[in-house]
Structure formats: C-alpha cells, structure tokens
Amino acid sequence: MTATSMLEYWRTLVRLCTGWNEVHRALDTPLADAVVRSRWFTSWSAAVLLASVSVSYHPWWRRVWQRHMLGLLPAGARWAVVVLGVAAAVAACMCAAYGLFRMYTLVGHVLTVNVFKTRGQRLRLLNVQTVLLPLCTPAGAGIVLLRFAHILGLSVLAAVLCYAMVLLSYGYNLIFHRQGLRGFLLLIEGTLLTWFVLAIGALAIAVALAVIAFFVVLVLRAFR
C-alpha cells in the first residue's frame, strides 16, 4: 500500500501539470478510496515539506541538536538518538497533518455551506483538496531555493500558489455549482473565514492551556 500510494502521489503530480482534467477526474472518487488517498497524500506532503524545511535550515537544526540534545548523551548513543528522533518527528508530523487536513475540510465545508448559503458535497471538497496535495513538492523545492536563491524561491512559491488557486477555483465551481469568477470569490471568502475560525479556536485552546499551566505552577510552588 505504501509503495502504491507513493507512486500514485507522483503520478498525480505529473498529471496536475497538464491542467485541470485531474481535478475533474478525481471529483467523484468513492468515500473509501478518498479516505485512503487523503491519508497517504497528506502524509507524503507533510514528509516532503518537513524535509524541505530541514534542508533549508540545516545549520540551525544542527546547532540545536549539538548544544541541547547530543551534548548530554554518550558518543555511542548519539546517532541512534538522531535516527529515532527524526523518525518520531516525521511520524508525528504525518499524523498531525492528516488530522488537521480533515478538520480543515470539515470546518471549511460547514462554514461555506451555511454562511454563504450554497450547496455542495463534502466528499467532493475532500477529493479536490486531496488531489492538489502533490503540489507541496514544488512548493518544498521553492522553500529550499529560498536559502540559496531568494528571488527564484519566491517565484517558485508564487507560481505554485497561483496555480493551486486556479485549480481550486475550478474545483469550487464544480463542487458548489458556481460559474466563472464566482468560484474564485467563494474560495477566497470561504478560506478567509475558515482560517479566522480556526485561528480563534487555536487562540482559545492556547489561553485555556496557559490558565491550566498557571494553576499547576501555583500548586507546585506551594509544595516547594
């Protein structure tokens, strides 16, 4: 399954370069196949982006590991800790990316349907967003290029973002039964609203954790 999903991931990336036929083809993928594909596509995209950031900021990561982690361990155990740490970080990022992706799809669909009074299937939205995930690979290349050729890296990231917006606008026209620029406007409005709601939710969780941590510190201080 892993090798097949990885091969399909790269095939989808190649087909995306030919236009929006891939978006239309993946629109009505059954639920069982859509869930499996979204899980693996999200995992591969998270791994690609994590690798891109690690390569781009390699000296910073190396200083952190040497000063705060590896310096406290015996020389023989350092490489084992590095390998286990990288594997654990990649696995955690893959799981977190899939959960956040599904939550973003759910919240975005609910807000778009209820706030903007439109109709469209959540499964179709999941399929369209999933099929565009392989674009994270050229975006990761742009992140790496930012360190060596800043203008070129920004150009690659801007080109990938614009192309993804075009394909998403086309997908929104099909999902929510819009025409022309109305799909693009719905995409912008729905995306801004979704990110605003998620940011407010994240802020509320952060405040709650801060309050809990404050009371924990008070209790520990009393025992001290």
Protein backbone atom coordinates (compact mmCIF):
# COMPACT_ATOMS: atom_id res chain seq x y z
CA MET A 1 0.00 0.00 0.00
CA THR A 2 2.81 2.42 0.83
CA ALA A 3 4.66 1.92 -2.46
CA THR A 4 1.40 2.11 -4.43
CA SER A 5 0.31 5.31 -2.69
CA MET A 6 3.72 6.90 -3.25
CA LEU A 7 3.61 6.01 -6.93
CA GLU A 8 0.10 7.42 -7.24
CA TYR A 9 1.25 10.57 -5.47
CA TRP A 10 3.91 11.25 -8.10
CA ARG A 11 1.61 10.26 -10.95
CA THR A 12 -0.95 12.78 -9.72
CA LEU A 13 1.73 15.48 -9.59
CA VAL A 14 2.67 14.78 -13.20
CA ARG A 15 -0.96 14.80 -14.32
CA LEU A 16 -1.59 18.08 -12.49
CA CYS A 17 0.99 19.71 -14.73
CA THR A 18 -1.25 19.02 -17.75
CA GLY A 19 -4.19 21.08 -16.50
CA TRP A 20 -7.40 20.68 -14.52
CA ASN A 21 -8.53 17.34 -16.00
CA GLU A 22 -7.12 15.61 -12.92
CA VAL A 23 -9.39 17.70 -10.69
CA HIS A 24 -12.45 16.71 -12.71
CA ARG A 25 -11.40 13.06 -12.81
CA ALA A 26 -10.93 12.81 -9.03
CA LEU A 27 -14.11 14.71 -8.18
CA ASP A 28 -16.38 11.69 -7.64
CA THR A 29 -13.91 9.27 -6.03
CA PRO A 30 -15.78 6.91 -3.63
CA LEU A 31 -15.53 7.58 0.09
CA ALA A 32 -13.42 4.51 0.93
CA ASP A 33 -10.82 5.31 -1.72
CA ALA A 34 -10.94 9.03 -0.90
CA VAL A 35 -10.13 8.44 2.78
CA VAL A 36 -7.17 6.18 1.98
CA ARG A 37 -5.82 8.53 -0.66
CA SER A 38 -6.20 11.61 1.55
CA ARG A 39 -4.36 9.85 4.38
CA TRP A 40 -1.38 8.88 2.26
CA PHE A 41 -1.26 12.06 0.18
CA THR A 42 -1.28 14.15 3.36
CA SER A 43 1.46 12.01 4.88
CA TRP A 44 3.70 12.27 1.82
CA SER A 45 3.13 16.02 1.57
CA ALA A 46 3.99 16.51 5.24
CA ALA A 47 7.16 14.44 4.81
CA VAL A 48 8.20 16.46 1.72
CA LEU A 49 7.62 19.80 3.44
CA LEU A 50 9.40 18.63 6.61
CA ALA A 51 12.38 17.50 4.54
CA SER A 52 12.41 20.83 2.68
CA VAL A 53 12.40 22.86 5.88
CA SER A 54 15.08 20.62 7.41
CA VAL A 55 17.35 21.02 4.38
CA SER A 56 16.75 24.77 4.24
CA TYR A 57 17.52 25.30 7.94
CA HIS A 58 20.06 22.51 8.39
CA PRO A 59 22.72 24.61 10.22
CA TRP A 60 20.14 25.80 12.75
CA TRP A 61 18.89 22.25 13.40
CA ARG A 62 22.46 21.03 13.76
CA ARG A 63 23.33 23.69 16.37
CA VAL A 64 20.19 22.86 18.36
CA TRP A 65 20.97 19.15 18.38
CA GLN A 66 24.64 19.66 19.28
CA ARG A 67 24.09 22.17 22.08
CA HIS A 68 20.90 20.99 23.74
CA MET A 69 20.47 17.31 22.87
CA LEU A 70 23.56 15.45 21.69
CA GLY A 71 25.90 17.15 24.14
CA LEU A 72 24.10 15.44 27.03
CA LEU A 73 24.44 11.92 25.61
CA PRO A 74 27.32 9.45 25.30
CA ALA A 75 29.07 9.45 21.94
CA GLY A 76 27.93 5.92 21.08
CA ALA A 77 24.24 6.70 21.51
CA ARG A 78 24.11 9.96 19.57
CA TRP A 79 23.41 8.55 16.11
CA ALA A 80 20.73 6.24 17.46
CA VAL A 81 19.05 9.20 19.15
CA VAL A 82 19.24 11.22 15.93
CA VAL A 83 17.66 8.44 13.86
CA LEU A 84 14.92 7.76 16.40
CA GLY A 85 14.24 11.47 16.84
CA VAL A 86 13.92 12.09 13.12
CA ALA A 87 11.66 9.06 12.66
CA ALA A 88 9.44 10.12 15.58
CA ALA A 89 9.25 13.70 14.28
CA VAL A 90 8.29 12.56 10.78
CA ALA A 91 5.64 10.14 12.10
CA ALA A 92 4.17 12.79 14.41
CA CYS A 93 4.05 15.37 11.61
CA MET A 94 2.33 12.89 9.29
CA CYS A 95 -0.38 12.07 11.83
CA ALA A 96 -0.89 15.70 12.79
CA ALA A 97 -1.05 16.78 9.15
CA TYR A 98 -3.78 14.27 8.34
CA GLY A 99 -5.86 15.27 11.36
CA LEU A 100 -5.52 18.98 10.60
CA PHE A 101 -6.31 18.41 6.93
CA ARG A 102 -9.54 16.55 7.69
CA MET A 103 -10.53 19.15 10.28
CA TYR A 104 -9.86 21.97 7.81
CA THR A 105 -12.01 20.25 5.19
CA LEU A 106 -14.84 19.72 7.66
CA VAL A 107 -14.81 23.27 9.03
CA GLY A 108 -14.38 24.81 5.59
CA HIS A 109 -17.32 22.89 4.13
CA VAL A 110 -19.64 23.64 7.05
CA LEU A 111 -18.85 27.35 7.00
CA THR A 112 -19.08 27.66 3.23
CA VAL A 113 -22.42 25.88 3.02
CA ASN A 114 -24.08 27.62 5.97
CA VAL A 115 -22.65 31.12 5.83
CA PHE A 116 -22.70 31.64 2.05
CA LYS A 117 -25.94 29.71 1.52
CA THR A 118 -24.65 27.33 -1.11
CA ARG A 119 -24.78 23.59 -1.61
CA GLY A 120 -22.04 21.09 -2.28
CA GLN A 121 -20.81 17.68 -1.15
CA ARG A 122 -18.09 17.46 1.47
CA LEU A 123 -16.69 14.37 -0.25
CA ARG A 124 -16.13 16.33 -3.43
CA LEU A 125 -14.32 19.04 -1.49
CA LEU A 126 -12.13 16.40 0.15
CA ASN A 127 -11.31 14.88 -3.24
CA VAL A 128 -10.37 18.21 -4.81
CA GLN A 129 -8.20 19.29 -1.90
CA THR A 130 -6.54 15.86 -1.75
CA VAL A 131 -5.66 15.79 -5.44
CA LEU A 132 -3.88 19.14 -5.10
CA LEU A 133 -1.65 17.99 -2.22
CA PRO A 134 1.18 16.80 -4.54
CA LEU A 135 1.77 20.48 -5.35
CA CYS A 136 3.53 20.55 -1.97
CA THR A 137 6.53 19.01 -3.76
CA PRO A 138 7.31 22.02 -5.98
CA ALA A 139 6.43 24.24 -3.01
CA GLY A 140 9.06 22.37 -0.98
CA ALA A 141 11.56 22.97 -3.77
CA GLY A 142 10.75 26.68 -3.54
CA ILE A 143 11.39 26.60 0.22
CA VAL A 144 14.82 25.07 -0.36
CA LEU A 145 15.60 27.61 -3.06
CA LEU A 146 14.80 30.46 -0.67
CA ARG A 147 18.06 29.77 1.13
CA PHE A 148 20.25 29.73 -1.98
CA ALA A 149 18.38 31.96 -4.47
CA HIS A 150 15.80 34.07 -2.68
CA ILE A 151 14.14 35.59 -5.75
CA LEU A 152 13.95 32.25 -7.53
CA GLY A 153 12.47 30.58 -4.47
CA LEU A 154 9.82 33.27 -4.11
CA SER A 155 8.99 32.94 -7.81
CA VAL A 156 8.51 29.18 -7.49
CA LEU A 157 6.31 29.55 -4.41
CA ALA A 158 4.23 32.28 -6.07
CA ALA A 159 3.78 30.18 -9.22
CA VAL A 160 2.69 27.12 -7.22
CA LEU A 161 0.27 29.22 -5.14
CA CYS A 162 -1.30 30.85 -8.21
CA TYR A 163 -1.67 27.51 -9.99
CA ALA A 164 -3.23 25.92 -6.90
CA MET A 165 -5.68 28.83 -6.65
CA VAL A 166 -6.69 28.37 -10.30
CA LEU A 167 -7.30 24.65 -9.83
CA LEU A 168 -9.17 25.20 -6.56
CA SER A 169 -11.36 27.85 -8.20
CA TYR A 170 -12.23 25.37 -10.94
CA GLY A 171 -12.95 22.74 -8.30
CA TYR A 172 -15.18 25.13 -6.34
CA ASN A 173 -17.20 25.79 -9.48
CA LEU A 174 -17.83 22.07 -9.79
CA ILE A 175 -18.42 21.42 -6.09
CA PHE A 176 -20.66 24.35 -5.21
CA HIS A 177 -22.30 24.80 -8.62
CA ARG A 178 -20.78 28.17 -9.45
CA GLN A 179 -19.62 29.65 -12.75
CA GLY A 180 -16.70 31.81 -13.79
CA LEU A 181 -15.16 34.01 -11.11
CA ARG A 182 -17.89 33.18 -8.60
CA GLY A 183 -15.98 30.03 -7.66
CA PHE A 184 -12.82 32.06 -7.08
CA LEU A 185 -14.68 34.58 -4.91
CA LEU A 186 -16.28 31.78 -2.90
CA LEU A 187 -12.85 30.20 -2.45
CA ILE A 188 -11.36 33.43 -1.11
CA GLU A 189 -14.29 34.14 1.20
CA GLY A 190 -14.55 30.58 2.49
CA THR A 191 -10.79 30.26 3.03
CA LEU A 192 -10.51 33.53 4.94
CA LEU A 193 -13.49 32.66 7.12
CA THR A 194 -12.19 29.14 7.79
CA TRP A 195 -8.73 30.35 8.80
CA PHE A 196 -10.28 33.02 11.02
CA VAL A 197 -12.45 30.49 12.86
CA LEU A 198 -9.53 28.06 13.23
CA ALA A 199 -7.27 30.85 14.50
CA ILE A 200 -9.85 31.86 17.09
CA GLY A 201 -10.20 28.23 18.17
CA ALA A 202 -6.41 27.83 18.44
CA LEU A 203 -6.20 31.04 20.46
CA ALA A 204 -8.92 29.82 22.83
CA ILE A 205 -7.09 26.50 23.33
CA ALA A 206 -3.81 28.33 23.96
CA VAL A 207 -5.45 30.56 26.57
CA ALA A 208 -7.03 27.55 28.28
CA LEU A 209 -3.68 25.73 28.39
CA ALA A 210 -1.99 28.86 29.75
CA VAL A 211 -4.56 29.13 32.55
CA ILE A 212 -4.15 25.44 33.42
CA ALA A 213 -0.37 25.80 33.40
CA PHE A 214 -0.66 28.83 35.70
CA PHE A 215 -2.64 26.88 38.28
CA VAL A 216 -0.22 23.94 38.01
CA VAL A 217 2.67 26.30 38.71
CA LEU A 218 0.82 27.71 41.72
CA VAL A 219 0.32 24.22 43.15
CA LEU A 220 3.96 23.24 42.56
CA ARG A 221 5.12 26.49 44.10
CA ALA A 222 3.08 25.78 47.23
CA PHE A 223 4.74 22.36 47.65
CA ARG A 224 8.14 23.89 47.08
